[in-house]
C-alpha atoms as a PDB file:
ATOM      1  CA  UNK A   1       0.012  -0.022   0.003  1.00  0.00           C
ATOM      2  CA  UNK A   2       1.278   3.418  -0.953  1.00  0.00           C
ATOM      3  CA  UNK A   3       2.117   5.855   1.863  1.00  0.00           C
ATOM      4  CA  UNK A   4      -0.551   8.291   0.889  1.00  0.00           C
ATOM      5  CA  UNK A   5      -3.156   5.527   0.731  1.00  0.00           C
ATOM      6  CA  UNK A   6      -2.162   4.279   4.242  1.00  0.00           C
ATOM      7  CA  UNK A   7      -2.458   7.918   5.409  1.00  0.00           C
ATOM      8  CA  UNK A   8      -5.935   8.204   4.002  1.00  0.00           C
ATOM      9  CA  UNK A   9      -6.991   4.879   5.631  1.00  0.00           C
ATOM     10  CA  UNK A  10      -5.564   6.086   8.925  1.00  0.00           C
ATOM     11  CA  UNK A  11      -7.483   9.389   8.596  1.00  0.00           C
ATOM     12  CA  UNK A  12     -10.742   7.526   7.815  1.00  0.00           C
ATOM     13  CA  UNK A  13     -10.210   5.224  10.837  1.00  0.00           C
ATOM     14  CA  UNK A  14      -9.398   8.112  13.089  1.00  0.00           C
ATOM     15  CA  UNK A  15     -12.449  10.146  11.825  1.00  0.00           C
ATOM     16  CA  UNK A  16     -14.674   7.018  12.242  1.00  0.00           C
ATOM     17  CA  UNK A  17     -13.805   7.039  15.961  1.00  0.00           C
ATOM     18  CA  UNK A  18     -13.317  10.727  16.659  1.00  0.00           C
ATOM     19  CA  UNK A  19     -15.351  12.637  14.041  1.00  0.00           C
ATOM     20  CA  UNK A  20     -15.551  16.075  15.724  1.00  0.00           C
ATOM     21  CA  UNK A  21     -12.118  16.061  17.192  1.00  0.00           C
ATOM     22  CA  UNK A  22     -10.669  14.767  13.886  1.00  0.00           C
ATOM     23  CA  UNK A  23     -12.161  17.654  11.903  1.00  0.00           C
ATOM     24  CA  UNK A  24     -10.754  20.176  14.347  1.00  0.00           C
ATOM     25  CA  UNK A  25      -7.305  18.570  14.443  1.00  0.00           C
ATOM     26  CA  UNK A  26      -7.165  18.146  10.641  1.00  0.00           C
ATOM     27  CA  UNK A  27      -8.110  21.758  10.033  1.00  0.00           C
ATOM     28  CA  UNK A  28      -5.581  22.964  12.653  1.00  0.00           C
ATOM     29  CA  UNK A  29      -2.724  20.876  11.346  1.00  0.00           C
ATOM     30  CA  UNK A  30      -3.491  21.453   7.692  1.00  0.00           C
ATOM     31  CA  UNK A  31      -2.721  25.169   8.062  1.00  0.00           C
ATOM     32  CA  UNK A  32       0.506  24.505   9.996  1.00  0.00           C
ATOM     33  CA  UNK A  33       1.645  21.291   8.248  1.00  0.00           C
ATOM     34  CA  UNK A  34       0.344  21.793   4.640  1.00  0.00           C
ATOM     35  CA  UNK A  35       0.672  18.175   3.403  1.00  0.00           C
ATOM     36  CA  UNK A  36      -2.458  17.231   5.435  1.00  0.00           C
ATOM     37  CA  UNK A  37      -5.200  17.561   2.854  1.00  0.00           C
ATOM     38  CA  UNK A  38      -8.508  18.879   4.192  1.00  0.00           C
ATOM     39  CA  UNK A  39      -9.771  18.348   0.732  1.00  0.00           C
ATOM     40  CA  UNK A  40      -9.538  14.646   1.526  1.00  0.00           C
ATOM     41  CA  UNK A  41     -10.382  14.770   5.203  1.00  0.00           C
ATOM     42  CA  UNK A  42     -13.502  16.930   5.267  1.00  0.00           C
ATOM     43  CA  UNK A  43     -15.412  15.051   2.497  1.00  0.00           C
ATOM     44  CA  UNK A  44     -14.441  11.833   4.292  1.00  0.00           C
ATOM     45  CA  UNK A  45     -15.861  13.232   7.485  1.00  0.00           C
ATOM     46  CA  UNK A  46     -19.060  14.173   5.761  1.00  0.00           C
ATOM     47  CA  UNK A  47     -19.341  10.765   4.225  1.00  0.00           C
ATOM     48  CA  UNK A  48     -18.834   9.063   7.604  1.00  0.00           C
ATOM     49  CA  UNK A  49     -21.390  11.409   9.174  1.00  0.00           C
ATOM     50  CA  UNK A  50     -23.995  10.249   6.582  1.00  0.00           C
ATOM     51  CA  UNK A  51     -22.885   6.660   7.138  1.00  0.00           C
ATOM     52  CA  UNK A  52     -23.496   7.016  10.790  1.00  0.00           C
ATOM     53  CA  UNK A  53     -26.993   8.378  10.272  1.00  0.00           C
ATOM     54  CA  UNK A  54     -26.218  11.950  11.198  1.00  0.00           C
ATOM     55  CA  UNK A  55     -28.640  14.702  10.029  1.00  0.00           C
ATOM     56  CA  UNK A  56     -27.609  17.883   8.285  1.00  0.00           C
ATOM     57  CA  UNK A  57     -28.089  19.756  11.519  1.00  0.00           C
ATOM     58  CA  UNK A  58     -25.534  17.399  13.154  1.00  0.00           C
ATOM     59  CA  UNK A  59     -22.916  18.669  10.591  1.00  0.00           C
ATOM     60  CA  UNK A  60     -23.135  22.226  12.018  1.00  0.00           C
ATOM     61  CA  UNK A  61     -20.664  21.477  14.884  1.00  0.00           C
ATOM     62  CA  UNK A  62     -18.293  19.763  12.415  1.00  0.00           C
ATOM     63  CA  UNK A  63     -18.336  22.787  10.106  1.00  0.00           C
ATOM     64  CA  UNK A  64     -17.717  25.170  13.003  1.00  0.00           C
ATOM     65  CA  UNK A  65     -14.959  22.979  14.436  1.00  0.00           C
ATOM     66  CA  UNK A  66     -13.284  22.856  11.031  1.00  0.00           C
ATOM     67  CA  UNK A  67     -13.449  26.639  10.733  1.00  0.00           C
ATOM     68  CA  UNK A  68     -12.126  27.132  14.295  1.00  0.00           C
ATOM     69  CA  UNK A  69      -9.205  24.735  13.742  1.00  0.00           C
ATOM     70  CA  UNK A  70      -8.333  26.472  10.468  1.00  0.00           C
ATOM     71  CA  UNK A  71      -8.631  29.939  12.126  1.00  0.00           C
ATOM     72  CA  UNK A  72      -6.407  29.033  15.026  1.00  0.00           C
ATOM     73  CA  UNK A  73      -3.806  27.345  12.838  1.00  0.00           C
ATOM     74  CA  UNK A  74      -3.654  30.034  10.203  1.00  0.00           C
ATOM     75  CA  UNK A  75      -3.534  32.755  12.890  1.00  0.00           C
ATOM     76  CA  UNK A  76      -0.347  31.137  14.215  1.00  0.00           C
ATOM     77  CA  UNK A  77       1.166  31.414  10.692  1.00  0.00           C
ATOM     78  CA  UNK A  78      -0.078  34.979  10.474  1.00  0.00           C
ATOM     79  CA  UNK A  79       1.638  35.919  13.757  1.00  0.00           C
ATOM     80  CA  UNK A  80       4.809  34.254  12.733  1.00  0.00           C
ATOM     81  CA  UNK A  81       4.857  36.312   9.474  1.00  0.00           C
ATOM     82  CA  UNK A  82       4.001  39.416  11.353  1.00  0.00           C
ATOM     83  CA  UNK A  83       6.782  39.028  13.883  1.00  0.00           C
ATOM     84  CA  UNK A  84       9.542  37.531  11.737  1.00  0.00           C
ATOM     85  CA  UNK A  85       9.256  39.583   8.576  1.00  0.00           C
ATOM     86  CA  UNK A  86       9.999  38.705   4.968  1.00  0.00           C
ATOM     87  CA  UNK A  87      13.640  38.009   4.990  1.00  0.00           C
ATOM     88  CA  UNK A  88      13.525  35.465   7.781  1.00  0.00           C
ATOM     89  CA  UNK A  89      10.351  33.849   6.401  1.00  0.00           C
ATOM     90  CA  UNK A  90      11.836  33.295   2.975  1.00  0.00           C
ATOM     91  CA  UNK A  91      14.762  31.445   4.653  1.00  0.00           C
ATOM     92  CA  UNK A  92      12.376  29.016   6.336  1.00  0.00           C
ATOM     93  CA  UNK A  93       9.660  28.720   3.721  1.00  0.00           C
ATOM     94  CA  UNK A  94      12.073  26.928   1.340  1.00  0.00           C
ATOM     95  CA  UNK A  95      11.844  23.937   3.721  1.00  0.00           C
ATOM     96  CA  UNK A  96       8.231  23.550   2.866  1.00  0.00           C
ATOM     97  CA  UNK A  97       8.796  24.171  -0.898  1.00  0.00           C
ATOM     98  CA  UNK A  98       7.611  27.725  -0.993  1.00  0.00           C
ATOM     99  CA  UNK A  99       9.889  29.787  -3.161  1.00  0.00           C
ATOM    100  CA  UNK A 100      10.332  33.535  -3.062  1.00  0.00           C
ATOM    101  CA  UNK A 101       8.601  33.726  -6.493  1.00  0.00           C
ATOM    102  CA  UNK A 102       5.503  31.995  -5.079  1.00  0.00           C
ATOM    103  CA  UNK A 103       5.500  34.262  -2.107  1.00  0.00           C
ATOM    104  CA  UNK A 104       5.661  37.266  -4.374  1.00  0.00           C
ATOM    105  CA  UNK A 105       2.737  36.069  -6.468  1.00  0.00           C
ATOM    106  CA  UNK A 106       0.649  35.633  -3.326  1.00  0.00           C
ATOM    107  CA  UNK A 107       1.656  39.071  -2.088  1.00  0.00           C
ATOM    108  CA  UNK A 108       0.674  40.693  -5.378  1.00  0.00           C
ATOM    109  CA  UNK A 109      -2.697  38.900  -5.246  1.00  0.00           C
ATOM    110  CA  UNK A 110      -3.117  40.040  -1.670  1.00  0.00           C
ATOM    111  CA  UNK A 111      -2.326  43.680  -2.515  1.00  0.00           C
ATOM    112  CA  UNK A 112      -4.696  43.586  -5.497  1.00  0.00           C
ATOM    113  CA  UNK A 113      -7.705  42.229  -3.595  1.00  0.00           C
ATOM    114  CA  UNK A 114      -6.826  43.537  -0.106  1.00  0.00           C
ATOM    115  CA  UNK A 115      -8.761  42.116   2.853  1.00  0.00           C
ATOM    116  CA  UNK A 116     -11.056  40.182   0.458  1.00  0.00           C
ATOM    117  CA  UNK A 117      -7.940  38.097  -0.348  1.00  0.00           C
ATOM    118  CA  UNK A 118      -8.016  36.503   3.053  1.00  0.00           C
ATOM    119  CA  UNK A 119     -11.733  35.617   2.777  1.00  0.00           C
ATOM    120  CA  UNK A 120     -11.439  34.303  -0.833  1.00  0.00           C
ATOM    121  CA  UNK A 121      -8.030  32.676  -0.116  1.00  0.00           C
ATOM    122  CA  UNK A 122      -9.480  30.496   2.517  1.00  0.00           C
ATOM    123  CA  UNK A 123     -11.544  28.772  -0.128  1.00  0.00           C
ATOM    124  CA  UNK A 124      -8.773  28.103  -2.676  1.00  0.00           C
ATOM    125  CA  UNK A 125      -6.586  24.968  -2.279  1.00  0.00           C
ATOM    126  CA  UNK A 126      -2.949  25.854  -1.624  1.00  0.00           C
ATOM    127  CA  UNK A 127      -3.790  29.573  -1.169  1.00  0.00           C
ATOM    128  CA  UNK A 128      -5.617  28.484   1.994  1.00  0.00           C
ATOM    129  CA  UNK A 129      -2.280  27.852   3.709  1.00  0.00           C
ATOM    130  CA  UNK A 130      -0.340  30.667   2.036  1.00  0.00           C
ATOM    131  CA  UNK A 131      -2.704  33.616   2.551  1.00  0.00           C
ATOM    132  CA  UNK A 132      -1.706  34.108   6.138  1.00  0.00           C
ATOM    133  CA  UNK A 133       1.880  34.940   5.189  1.00  0.00           C
ATOM    134  CA  UNK A 134       1.262  38.081   3.145  1.00  0.00           C
ATOM    135  CA  UNK A 135      -1.532  39.132   5.568  1.00  0.00           C
ATOM    136  CA  UNK A 136       1.009  39.007   8.384  1.00  0.00           C
ATOM    137  CA  UNK A 137       3.863  40.555   6.334  1.00  0.00           C
ATOM    138  CA  UNK A 138       1.594  43.415   5.129  1.00  0.00           C
ATOM    139  CA  UNK A 139       0.294  43.900   8.745  1.00  0.00           C
ATOM    140  CA  UNK A 140      -3.389  43.282   8.178  1.00  0.00           C
ATOM    141  CA  UNK A 141      -5.295  44.168  11.322  1.00  0.00           C
ATOM    142  CA  UNK A 142      -5.658  41.021  13.604  1.00  0.00           C
ATOM    143  CA  UNK A 143      -9.510  41.388  14.153  1.00  0.00           C
ATOM    144  CA  UNK A 144     -10.130  41.769  10.450  1.00  0.00           C
ATOM    145  CA  UNK A 145      -7.808  38.840   9.628  1.00  0.00           C
ATOM    146  CA  UNK A 146      -9.541  36.496  12.085  1.00  0.00           C
ATOM    147  CA  UNK A 147     -13.032  37.548  11.005  1.00  0.00           C
ATOM    148  CA  UNK A 148     -12.307  36.932   7.290  1.00  0.00           C
ATOM    149  CA  UNK A 149     -10.403  33.766   8.000  1.00  0.00           C
ATOM    150  CA  UNK A 150     -13.222  32.292  10.076  1.00  0.00           C
ATOM    151  CA  UNK A 151     -15.923  33.280   7.510  1.00  0.00           C
ATOM    152  CA  UNK A 152     -13.908  31.861   4.598  1.00  0.00           C
ATOM    153  CA  UNK A 153     -13.164  28.710   6.575  1.00  0.00           C
ATOM    154  CA  UNK A 154     -16.798  28.200   7.406  1.00  0.00           C
ATOM    155  CA  UNK A 155     -17.658  28.204   3.691  1.00  0.00           C
ATOM    156  CA  UNK A 156     -14.822  25.837   2.869  1.00  0.00           C
ATOM    157  CA  UNK A 157     -15.848  23.504   5.724  1.00  0.00           C
ATOM    158  CA  UNK A 158     -19.447  23.588   4.648  1.00  0.00           C
ATOM    159  CA  UNK A 159     -18.749  22.841   1.046  1.00  0.00           C
ATOM    160  CA  UNK A 160     -16.284  20.058   1.600  1.00  0.00           C
ATOM    161  CA  UNK A 161     -18.176  18.345   4.413  1.00  0.00           C
ATOM    162  CA  UNK A 162     -21.474  18.550   2.526  1.00  0.00           C
ATOM    163  CA  UNK A 163     -19.847  17.125  -0.595  1.00  0.00           C
ATOM    164  CA  UNK A 164     -18.902  13.992   1.280  1.00  0.00           C
ATOM    165  CA  UNK A 165     -22.259  13.815   3.017  1.00  0.00           C
ATOM    166  CA  UNK A 166     -24.224  14.061  -0.237  1.00  0.00           C
ATOM    167  CA  UNK A 167     -21.782  11.638  -1.945  1.00  0.00           C
ATOM    168  CA  UNK A 168     -22.760   9.101   0.693  1.00  0.00           C
ATOM    169  CA  UNK A 169     -26.377   9.806   0.112  1.00  0.00           C
ATOM    170  CA  UNK A 170     -25.922   9.573  -3.706  1.00  0.00           C
ATOM    171  CA  UNK A 171     -24.275   6.187  -3.626  1.00  0.00           C
ATOM    172  CA  UNK A 172     -27.004   4.853  -1.329  1.00  0.00           C
ATOM    173  CA  UNK A 173     -24.881   3.870   1.704  1.00  0.00           C
ATOM    174  CA  UNK A 174     -27.022   3.775   4.798  1.00  0.00           C
ATOM    175  CA  UNK A 175     -25.979   3.421   8.371  1.00  0.00           C
ATOM    176  CA  UNK A 176     -25.760  -0.315   8.371  1.00  0.00           C
ATOM    177  CA  UNK A 177     -24.144  -0.842   4.945  1.00  0.00           C
ATOM    178  CA  UNK A 178     -20.563  -0.274   5.962  1.00  0.00           C
ATOM    179  CA  UNK A 179     -19.634  -1.055   9.536  1.00  0.00           C
ATOM    180  CA  UNK A 180     -15.868  -0.612   9.354  1.00  0.00           C
ATOM    181  CA  UNK A 181     -13.337   0.842   7.043  1.00  0.00           C
ATOM    182  CA  UNK A 182     -10.656  -1.187   5.362  1.00  0.00           C
END
């Protein structure tokens, strides 16, 4: 089994046992350790929620926990960028394969769209993790950053969790069809 496949199996097993905690933890870690894909985790959680017979209303805490985890994690990155500055950040970002050229593109996008860049950036894969850096470097006000981050993260969580939930519904898997994951 490939490492990524085993990782996804582990995530599915963890989420099966700890759905709410798993969503929060995945969202928190995804913003700090970018290889964790919420684009795989959140739909899986939605699918498992459907599989366990949860209603749409039961998804609201999952959505909010996902948004809270992302907001806390990305705020840590924002504060690091705010305190360390560009020169120090460029030195460390290369370890996570972020070049100065990529950072410049994100900064240009941020300057073009201003505060909306944080809100919109939280809904775009890859940009989700990166948008905190220019926001910190360009000294966006903290309350505004947190507000836009949380709002964008709520939309991301809602869309990705519901996609998994409705996928489960579409393929007709009820609560007793699958009892354990491979």
